[in-house]
Every structure is written in C-alpha cells, then in structure tokens.
Amino acid sequence: MSNRQCDVIIIGGGLHGLSAAMHLGRAGQRVTVLERSWVGRHASGATAAGVRTLNRDRGELDLSLEAIEMWHRLPELVGDDCGFHPNGQICVAETPAALQRLQAHVHALRTDGYTHEELIGSAELRQWLPELSPHCLGASLARRDGAADPHQALRAFRRAAETAGASIVEQCGVTFIEHHGDDWRVQAGGKEWRAPVLVNAAGAWGARVAAMVGDEIPLATKSSMMMVSERLRPFIKPVVSIMGRSLSFKQSDQGTLVIGGGLQGVPDLDRETSTARMGVLAKGARAATDLFPLVRDVRIVRVWSGLEAKTEDMLPVIGTSPNAPGVFHAFGFSGHGFELVPVVGAALTDLVVRGTTTRAIGNLSAQRLMAPAAKENRP
C-alpha cells in the first residue's frame, strides 16, 4: 500500500463533508475527502433541498438560525447562490386544533425571544397562496426561508472545496481505521491515508465509521421519498407544509411540482438501495390535492428515494468523539440537514483548528445517544 499524509481526512463526500473540506481548506488544512461512491450519491443528491428554520427542534434551532444567515450571503461563501430562492416556508393549519397548535408554537418562540416565525390569518395566507383550498384557516410563516437546487449546491461546494485545496477521492470506501502514533491510518480503495484528524461525515454509514474508532452510536436508516410532476404554469413560490400531516410542496423554476415531506420508502444499507412505496406516496399526493385542488389531474413523471441516517431523537450528531482523539462526527441529520450545510462545516473547522466553537452544537453531542458505559473515555 502507498502512504498518503495530510492534516485532515474526511470520510463522506456529501454536502456536509464538502462543506467541512471547504472551511478546513480555507483555514490552511491539507484535506482529503474519501467517498465510497461518488459525491452526493445518497442523501445529498436525493434531498428536497429545503432551506428551513420553520418548525425546527429547539435542539438545533440556534444553529439553523446561523445557517440561514449564511444562505442569504451564499455567493460570498461559495461563489454561487446554489439556486436558493428565499420565498418563504409556510405551515398551513386545516383545522381549529391545528391552528391552536401553531399559535402555541409561535407564542412559545416569541416568549423566548425568537422572531423568525409569525402567525398569519386566512386573508394574508391567500395572498401568499392564491390557489389554496378554502378550508385552510391560517398558517405559520418564516419569511426568510426557502429552497435551493441540491445539484447546483453539490457542484458549488465541491468546486469551493477543491479551490481551497481539498483532494476528493471517489469510489474509495473505507475498510479499516486504526490509531498509529499521532495519526489515524485509514485504508480505503486498496490505498492508505494518514492524518492526525478524522471527520466522520459518512451519512447513513456514520455509525459504522464511528464504531471503527470506538464510538458505539445508535443509528437507524430512513428512505425519504419524493415525487416530481409534469410542468405547470407558475402558481406558488413558498414551500408549503401542513400541521399534522406529511407534506412538503413546492414548485421548481422549471414549473414542476416537487412533493415530499418525510414519506418513507424501504432502505437497505448493505445493498445501498432505497425503494419507493407507491401506497405511501399516494398519501403525499392526497395531502397535496387537498391543499391545492388544481393539481388533482397533474401527472407524476418521476419518483425517487434516498438513504439517510436517523437518530433516536431526530437530531444530528455534531462534535468531538467521546473516545477517539482527533475524531469529529457530523452525521445523523435525519432528513433535515440541507439547511445546516454551511454552518456545520464551519463548526467542525472551529473544533479542529481551535479546539472549541461558539456555534450552537451543545445539544448535538454523540454522548446523548450512547449507552452510559460507552460515554466514558477509554484509557
């Protein structure tokens, strides 16, 4: 085997791995990204690309709010807007009970000083969504949210990472990791790399990589599905969801409808496949037509699903390994990691270069998910 020495090895060439590579490269680190398939093969290439602070879990809300600021100046960060359109995200209430839940949610945010969400009534809701069904009563709104183009984002972050000096090696799955002196030895694709720092951004395979360095982190797999329709006249700009039902509904620049919202297919991590379930997709189609009756006869031209990691509490793992010096984790985004991409790479760079970060990752440590015995540092 040939030896390859660098400062940081990143395992995983999805958007979070590329963001880390870009930020670390700009901080003067020599970075190698090892990707088992090709850049964006799984979750990053199958995402609906929502840029959402709306209805975020409090455990990641502050991090999400920093990320949205980065999205609004993304051309300064990566030289490309990644197809980001800040046309807002809206969560619609169909019933009085749903509207009460939204009111309570927004009130709780305001009580704690958060102003990114607001409640809008029926009249303003129809200014935003003229084709909305008349049964809808109101909504919560995050005006600065929106959606982007995942493939444009992948190209932009890859280009920015390589411009910063990162080396990206595809078709190079990691098979073995061991600590040797001050370095980690990583065998992948029949070759060997060495670096004092590892970043585990392996997505659905994140727990398997973590186990190679002694961190037993529980992780499940999900297979979020999407549908795309034929092209229609433009009639909606925001991304729309429903309180209490699974739906994410938006219209692309090309006029197609992109419909998802956490509808799950069948994942197979070992085979690296995910299979769509048409009966489940039909629920998403029903939710879409309930909100927008004009799409009832629209043809669906394509469906897909992608492999994603899912943690027990649906929050990602971001931070330092409890057991392995020089190892940092960033995986388990559970279907809502796209918006966090710019800030996670920056937080990891803080940890690698300065040993600490002021970014809001305190709720996202691996320790919260690990069994008590596994949380203790090994000798």
Protein backbone atom coordinates (compact mmCIF):
# COMPACT_ATOMS: atom_id res chain seq x y z
CA MET A 1 0.00 0.00 0.00
CA SER A 2 1.10 3.58 -0.66
CA ASN A 3 1.05 6.11 2.16
CA ARG A 4 -0.71 9.44 1.80
CA GLN A 5 -0.24 12.07 4.50
CA CYS A 6 -2.48 15.07 5.12
CA ASP A 7 -3.85 17.13 8.00
CA VAL A 8 -7.48 16.01 7.88
CA ILE A 9 -9.22 13.01 6.34
CA ILE A 10 -12.94 13.47 5.76
CA ILE A 11 -14.95 10.29 5.30
CA GLY A 12 -18.01 11.03 3.18
CA GLY A 13 -18.43 13.21 0.11
CA GLY A 14 -21.92 14.54 0.70
CA LEU A 15 -22.67 18.20 1.26
CA HIS A 16 -21.56 18.18 4.90
CA GLY A 17 -18.26 16.55 4.02
CA LEU A 18 -17.73 19.08 1.22
CA SER A 19 -18.60 21.99 3.50
CA ALA A 20 -16.09 20.78 6.07
CA ALA A 21 -13.46 20.34 3.35
CA MET A 22 -14.03 23.89 2.10
CA HIS A 23 -13.87 25.52 5.52
CA LEU A 24 -10.88 23.45 6.65
CA GLY A 25 -9.00 24.10 3.42
CA ARG A 26 -9.53 27.82 3.82
CA ALA A 27 -8.18 27.52 7.37
CA GLY A 28 -4.91 26.18 5.96
CA GLN A 29 -5.51 22.46 6.48
CA ARG A 30 -4.46 19.87 3.91
CA VAL A 31 -7.67 17.88 3.39
CA THR A 32 -8.52 14.60 1.68
CA VAL A 33 -12.16 13.55 1.20
CA LEU A 34 -12.76 9.81 0.79
CA GLU A 35 -16.11 8.92 -0.79
CA ARG A 36 -17.27 5.31 -1.15
CA SER A 37 -19.38 6.03 -4.25
CA TRP A 38 -19.44 9.49 -5.79
CA VAL A 39 -20.06 12.96 -4.44
CA GLY A 40 -23.70 13.40 -3.46
CA ARG A 41 -24.62 9.78 -4.19
CA HIS A 42 -27.15 9.34 -1.39
CA ALA A 43 -28.90 11.85 0.89
CA SER A 44 -27.29 14.97 -0.61
CA GLY A 45 -28.36 14.02 -4.11
CA ALA A 46 -31.86 12.92 -3.13
CA THR A 47 -32.80 15.82 -0.86
CA ALA A 48 -35.76 18.14 -1.43
CA ALA A 49 -33.28 20.94 -0.63
CA GLY A 50 -35.48 22.87 1.75
CA VAL A 51 -33.77 25.79 3.48
CA ARG A 52 -35.90 25.80 6.60
CA THR A 53 -35.88 27.36 10.04
CA LEU A 54 -39.65 26.85 10.29
CA ASN A 55 -40.68 24.31 12.96
CA ARG A 56 -37.10 23.43 13.85
CA ASP A 57 -36.48 21.44 17.02
CA ARG A 58 -35.14 23.70 19.75
CA GLY A 59 -32.05 21.49 19.95
CA GLU A 60 -30.86 22.72 16.57
CA LEU A 61 -32.77 25.98 16.18
CA ASP A 62 -29.93 28.35 17.06
CA LEU A 63 -27.61 26.53 14.67
CA SER A 64 -30.30 26.70 12.00
CA LEU A 65 -30.70 30.44 12.50
CA GLU A 66 -26.98 30.98 11.98
CA ALA A 67 -27.16 28.81 8.88
CA ILE A 68 -29.99 30.86 7.33
CA GLU A 69 -27.84 33.97 7.58
CA MET A 70 -25.11 32.12 5.68
CA TRP A 71 -27.60 31.06 3.00
CA HIS A 72 -28.52 34.69 2.42
CA ARG A 73 -24.89 35.50 1.64
CA LEU A 74 -24.03 32.19 -0.02
CA PRO A 75 -22.43 33.71 -3.15
CA GLU A 76 -19.83 35.28 -0.85
CA LEU A 77 -19.17 31.85 0.69
CA VAL A 78 -19.09 29.52 -2.32
CA GLY A 79 -19.31 31.83 -5.35
CA ASP A 80 -22.79 30.58 -6.26
CA ASP A 81 -26.33 31.08 -4.94
CA CYS A 82 -26.96 27.29 -5.27
CA GLY A 83 -30.40 28.06 -6.71
CA PHE A 84 -31.55 29.41 -3.36
CA HIS A 85 -34.82 31.34 -3.54
CA PRO A 86 -35.87 32.86 -0.19
CA ASN A 87 -39.58 32.78 -1.00
CA GLY A 88 -40.57 31.67 2.50
CA GLN A 89 -41.81 28.47 4.08
CA ILE A 90 -45.41 28.14 5.30
CA CYS A 91 -47.05 25.58 7.59
CA VAL A 92 -50.79 25.51 6.95
CA ALA A 93 -53.49 24.78 9.53
CA GLU A 94 -56.54 22.95 8.17
CA THR A 95 -58.48 22.70 11.44
CA PRO A 96 -59.06 24.82 14.54
CA ALA A 97 -56.99 22.36 16.58
CA ALA A 98 -54.07 22.63 14.15
CA LEU A 99 -54.30 26.41 14.22
CA GLN A 100 -54.19 26.35 18.02
CA ARG A 101 -51.01 24.24 17.89
CA LEU A 102 -49.38 26.74 15.53
CA GLN A 103 -50.45 29.64 17.74
CA ALA A 104 -48.98 27.97 20.80
CA HIS A 105 -45.76 27.20 18.96
CA VAL A 106 -45.26 30.75 17.69
CA HIS A 107 -46.18 32.20 21.08
CA ALA A 108 -43.60 29.99 22.81
CA LEU A 109 -40.93 31.13 20.35
CA ARG A 110 -41.79 34.79 20.89
CA THR A 111 -41.74 34.31 24.67
CA ASP A 112 -38.16 33.03 24.35
CA GLY A 113 -37.09 35.88 22.09
CA TYR A 114 -37.29 34.19 18.68
CA THR A 115 -38.91 36.27 15.92
CA HIS A 116 -38.20 34.26 12.77
CA GLU A 117 -41.71 32.72 12.73
CA GLU A 118 -45.02 34.54 12.67
CA LEU A 119 -48.68 33.61 12.50
CA ILE A 120 -50.79 34.76 9.55
CA GLY A 121 -54.54 34.62 9.12
CA SER A 122 -56.68 33.39 6.28
CA ALA A 123 -56.62 36.61 4.24
CA GLU A 124 -52.84 37.02 4.25
CA LEU A 125 -52.37 33.29 3.70
CA ARG A 126 -54.28 33.58 0.42
CA GLN A 127 -52.11 36.47 -0.66
CA TRP A 128 -49.19 34.07 -0.37
CA LEU A 129 -51.09 31.08 -1.81
CA PRO A 130 -53.95 32.20 -4.09
CA GLU A 131 -54.76 28.63 -5.20
CA LEU A 132 -55.05 27.27 -1.66
CA SER A 133 -58.19 25.34 -0.73
CA PRO A 134 -60.80 27.49 1.11
CA HIS A 135 -60.92 25.13 4.10
CA CYS A 136 -57.47 26.25 5.34
CA LEU A 137 -57.66 28.62 8.32
CA GLY A 138 -54.21 30.15 8.80
CA ALA A 139 -50.52 29.32 8.93
CA SER A 140 -47.14 29.94 10.47
CA LEU A 141 -44.61 31.62 8.22
CA ALA A 142 -40.82 32.01 8.10
CA ARG A 143 -40.29 34.72 5.50
CA ARG A 144 -36.53 34.27 5.01
CA ASP A 145 -36.71 30.52 4.43
CA GLY A 146 -36.96 28.92 1.01
CA ALA A 147 -35.45 26.16 -1.09
CA ALA A 148 -32.41 25.58 -3.27
CA ASP A 149 -31.15 23.30 -6.03
CA PRO A 150 -29.31 20.33 -4.48
CA HIS A 151 -27.26 19.52 -7.57
CA GLN A 152 -26.20 23.11 -8.04
CA ALA A 153 -25.24 23.14 -4.36
CA LEU A 154 -23.18 19.97 -4.76
CA ARG A 155 -21.30 21.44 -7.71
CA ALA A 156 -20.70 24.73 -5.90
CA PHE A 157 -19.49 23.21 -2.62
CA ARG A 158 -17.29 20.70 -4.45
CA ARG A 159 -15.75 23.46 -6.54
CA ALA A 160 -15.20 25.61 -3.45
CA ALA A 161 -13.62 22.70 -1.56
CA GLU A 162 -11.24 21.87 -4.40
CA THR A 163 -10.37 25.53 -4.88
CA ALA A 164 -9.47 25.60 -1.18
CA GLY A 165 -7.03 22.76 -1.85
CA ALA A 166 -9.05 19.69 -0.84
CA SER A 167 -8.44 16.43 -2.66
CA ILE A 168 -11.61 14.41 -3.34
CA VAL A 169 -11.22 10.69 -4.00
CA GLU A 170 -14.35 8.90 -5.22
CA GLN A 171 -15.08 5.16 -5.49
CA CYS A 172 -12.97 4.76 -2.36
CA GLY A 173 -14.82 3.13 0.52
CA VAL A 174 -13.12 2.97 3.91
CA THR A 175 -12.41 -0.58 5.09
CA PHE A 176 -10.13 -0.12 8.10
CA ILE A 177 -9.14 2.60 10.58
CA GLU A 178 -6.56 2.44 13.35
CA HIS A 179 -4.73 4.89 15.57
CA HIS A 180 -0.97 4.78 14.96
CA GLY A 181 1.21 7.18 16.91
CA ASP A 182 -0.15 10.67 16.40
CA ASP A 183 -2.01 9.71 13.24
CA TRP A 184 -5.07 7.82 12.12
CA ARG A 185 -4.36 5.24 9.44
CA VAL A 186 -7.25 4.86 7.02
CA GLN A 187 -7.37 2.12 4.43
CA ALA A 188 -9.72 2.73 1.52
CA GLY A 189 -9.80 1.56 -2.07
CA GLY A 190 -6.66 -0.50 -1.62
CA LYS A 191 -4.62 2.50 -0.50
CA GLU A 192 -3.69 4.08 2.80
CA TRP A 193 -4.03 7.63 4.07
CA ARG A 194 -2.70 9.12 7.31
CA ALA A 195 -3.74 12.21 9.22
CA PRO A 196 -3.94 13.33 12.85
CA VAL A 197 -7.59 14.32 12.35
CA LEU A 198 -10.61 12.42 11.02
CA VAL A 199 -14.02 13.91 10.22
CA ASN A 200 -16.79 11.33 10.02
CA ALA A 201 -19.38 12.72 7.59
CA ALA A 202 -20.42 9.31 6.32
CA GLY A 203 -24.19 9.88 6.46
CA ALA A 204 -26.19 6.68 6.76
CA TRP A 205 -22.89 4.83 7.33
CA GLY A 206 -21.80 7.27 10.07
CA ALA A 207 -22.34 4.81 12.92
CA ARG A 208 -20.27 2.14 11.15
CA VAL A 209 -17.38 4.56 10.75
CA ALA A 210 -17.80 5.71 14.37
CA ALA A 211 -17.58 2.09 15.53
CA MET A 212 -14.23 1.74 13.73
CA VAL A 213 -12.77 4.33 16.12
CA GLY A 214 -14.51 3.01 19.24
CA ASP A 215 -17.72 5.06 19.36
CA GLU A 216 -20.87 2.95 19.52
CA ILE A 217 -23.57 5.41 18.46
CA PRO A 218 -27.07 4.06 17.79
CA LEU A 219 -28.28 4.98 14.32
CA ALA A 220 -31.19 3.91 12.15
CA THR A 221 -31.76 4.43 8.44
CA LYS A 222 -34.59 6.16 6.65
CA SER A 223 -35.56 6.39 3.00
CA SER A 224 -37.35 9.67 2.29
CA MET A 225 -39.32 9.70 -0.96
CA MET A 226 -40.07 12.48 -3.44
CA MET A 227 -42.36 12.95 -6.43
CA VAL A 228 -41.97 15.33 -9.38
CA SER A 229 -44.84 16.32 -11.66
CA GLU A 230 -45.09 17.49 -15.23
CA ARG A 231 -44.52 21.19 -15.82
CA LEU A 232 -47.27 23.61 -14.86
CA ARG A 233 -47.80 27.34 -15.06
CA PRO A 234 -46.21 29.13 -12.08
CA PHE A 235 -48.70 29.38 -9.21
CA ILE A 236 -46.74 29.02 -5.96
CA LYS A 237 -43.48 30.47 -4.63
CA PRO A 238 -43.14 29.41 -0.96
CA VAL A 239 -42.51 25.87 0.28
CA VAL A 240 -45.70 24.58 1.90
CA SER A 241 -46.23 22.02 4.67
CA ILE A 242 -49.26 21.05 6.76
CA MET A 243 -49.55 20.94 10.54
CA GLY A 244 -50.22 17.32 11.49
CA ARG A 245 -49.75 15.76 8.04
CA SER A 246 -46.73 14.71 5.96
CA LEU A 247 -46.24 17.15 3.11
CA SER A 248 -43.56 19.34 1.60
CA PHE A 249 -44.85 21.04 -1.55
CA LYS A 250 -43.06 23.46 -3.84
CA GLN A 251 -42.76 24.45 -7.48
CA SER A 252 -39.39 24.48 -9.19
CA ASP A 253 -38.05 27.10 -11.60
CA GLN A 254 -38.97 24.71 -14.41
CA GLY A 255 -42.61 24.63 -13.32
CA THR A 256 -42.57 21.09 -11.95
CA LEU A 257 -44.05 20.32 -8.55
CA VAL A 258 -41.69 18.69 -6.04
CA ILE A 259 -43.70 16.80 -3.42
CA GLY A 260 -42.35 15.04 -0.34
CA GLY A 261 -42.42 15.66 3.38
CA GLY A 262 -40.93 12.68 5.17
CA LEU A 263 -42.80 9.94 3.34
CA GLN A 264 -40.72 6.81 3.83
CA GLY A 265 -39.68 4.05 1.44
CA VAL A 266 -37.69 0.89 2.19
CA PRO A 267 -33.99 1.40 2.95
CA ASP A 268 -31.29 -1.26 2.58
CA LEU A 269 -27.96 -0.02 3.88
CA ASP A 270 -25.95 -3.08 2.90
CA ARG A 271 -27.15 -3.02 -0.69
CA GLU A 272 -27.03 0.77 -0.79
CA THR A 273 -30.56 0.90 -2.16
CA SER A 274 -33.83 2.55 -1.24
CA THR A 275 -37.16 1.50 -2.70
CA ALA A 276 -40.16 3.76 -3.17
CA ARG A 277 -43.56 2.65 -1.87
CA MET A 278 -46.36 3.86 -4.12
CA GLY A 279 -49.06 3.39 -1.49
CA VAL A 280 -47.23 5.73 0.88
CA LEU A 281 -46.54 8.24 -1.87
CA ALA A 282 -50.28 8.31 -2.54
CA LYS A 283 -50.74 9.84 0.94
CA GLY A 284 -48.49 12.72 -0.07
CA ALA A 285 -50.40 13.13 -3.32
CA ARG A 286 -53.66 13.23 -1.37
CA ALA A 287 -52.33 15.90 1.01
CA ALA A 288 -51.17 17.98 -1.97
CA THR A 289 -54.53 17.80 -3.73
CA ASP A 290 -56.39 18.57 -0.51
CA LEU A 291 -54.46 21.83 -0.24
CA PHE A 292 -54.33 22.65 -3.95
CA PRO A 293 -57.32 21.20 -5.82
CA LEU A 294 -56.00 22.46 -9.17
CA VAL A 295 -53.27 19.74 -9.13
CA ARG A 296 -55.67 16.78 -8.91
CA ASP A 297 -55.20 15.78 -12.57
CA VAL A 298 -51.50 16.55 -12.78
CA ARG A 299 -49.27 13.70 -13.92
CA ILE A 300 -46.38 12.48 -11.78
CA VAL A 301 -43.38 11.83 -14.02
CA ARG A 302 -40.73 10.68 -11.57
CA VAL A 303 -40.32 9.39 -8.01
CA TRP A 304 -37.20 8.64 -6.01
CA SER A 305 -35.93 7.88 -2.53
CA GLY A 306 -32.56 8.22 -0.85
CA LEU A 307 -30.70 6.69 2.07
CA GLU A 308 -30.41 8.88 5.15
CA ALA A 309 -29.28 8.40 8.74
CA LYS A 310 -31.84 8.75 11.52
CA THR A 311 -31.07 9.22 15.19
CA GLU A 312 -33.40 8.35 18.04
CA ASP A 313 -34.24 11.99 18.78
CA MET A 314 -34.09 13.07 15.11
CA LEU A 315 -31.23 15.47 15.83
CA PRO A 316 -27.79 15.17 14.24
CA VAL A 317 -24.52 14.17 15.85
CA ILE A 318 -22.07 17.06 15.52
CA GLY A 319 -18.92 17.34 17.58
CA THR A 320 -15.91 15.66 19.11
CA SER A 321 -15.65 11.89 19.52
CA PRO A 322 -16.03 10.80 23.16
CA ASN A 323 -13.44 8.05 22.78
CA ALA A 324 -11.12 8.80 19.87
CA PRO A 325 -8.68 11.74 19.99
CA GLY A 326 -8.70 13.79 16.81
CA VAL A 327 -12.02 12.40 15.53
CA PHE A 328 -15.06 14.58 14.86
CA HIS A 329 -18.54 13.46 13.85
CA ALA A 330 -21.14 15.11 11.61
CA PHE A 331 -23.93 12.72 10.65
CA GLY A 332 -27.46 11.66 11.57
CA PHE A 333 -29.26 14.67 10.12
CA SER A 334 -32.48 12.64 9.94
CA GLY A 335 -33.90 14.25 6.82
CA HIS A 336 -33.35 17.92 7.67
CA GLY A 337 -29.64 18.55 7.24
CA PHE A 338 -29.58 20.51 3.98
CA GLU A 339 -30.14 23.93 5.53
CA LEU A 340 -27.37 23.30 8.07
CA VAL A 341 -24.67 22.57 5.47
CA PRO A 342 -22.80 25.91 5.54
CA VAL A 343 -22.63 26.19 9.32
CA VAL A 344 -21.73 22.57 10.16
CA GLY A 345 -18.52 22.77 8.13
CA ALA A 346 -17.66 25.99 9.93
CA ALA A 347 -18.33 24.44 13.36
CA LEU A 348 -16.15 21.43 12.58
CA THR A 349 -13.36 23.73 11.45
CA ASP A 350 -13.58 25.62 14.74
CA LEU A 351 -13.20 22.34 16.64
CA VAL A 352 -10.32 21.06 14.51
CA VAL A 353 -8.33 24.29 14.31
CA ARG A 354 -9.11 25.97 17.65
CA GLY A 355 -10.33 23.09 19.77
CA THR A 356 -13.63 24.78 20.58
CA THR A 357 -16.57 26.55 18.93
CA THR A 358 -19.10 29.18 19.91
CA ARG A 359 -21.61 27.73 17.46
CA ALA A 360 -24.71 26.11 18.95
CA ILE A 361 -23.84 22.41 18.86
CA GLY A 362 -24.07 21.76 22.59
CA ASN A 363 -27.28 19.72 22.22
CA LEU A 364 -25.86 17.61 19.40
CA SER A 365 -23.03 15.64 21.00
CA ALA A 366 -22.67 11.91 20.44
CA GLN A 367 -22.78 11.28 24.20
CA ARG A 368 -26.51 11.95 24.43
CA LEU A 369 -27.23 8.85 22.34
CA MET A 370 -24.63 6.46 23.71
CA ALA A 371 -25.02 3.85 26.44
CA PRO A 372 -23.54 5.03 29.78
CA ALA A 373 -20.52 2.74 29.60
CA ALA A 374 -19.71 3.86 26.06
CA LYS A 375 -19.75 7.54 27.03
CA GLU A 376 -16.64 7.28 29.14
CA ASN A 377 -13.31 7.99 27.54
CA ARG A 378 -11.29 4.87 27.10
CA PRO A 379 -7.78 4.72 28.54
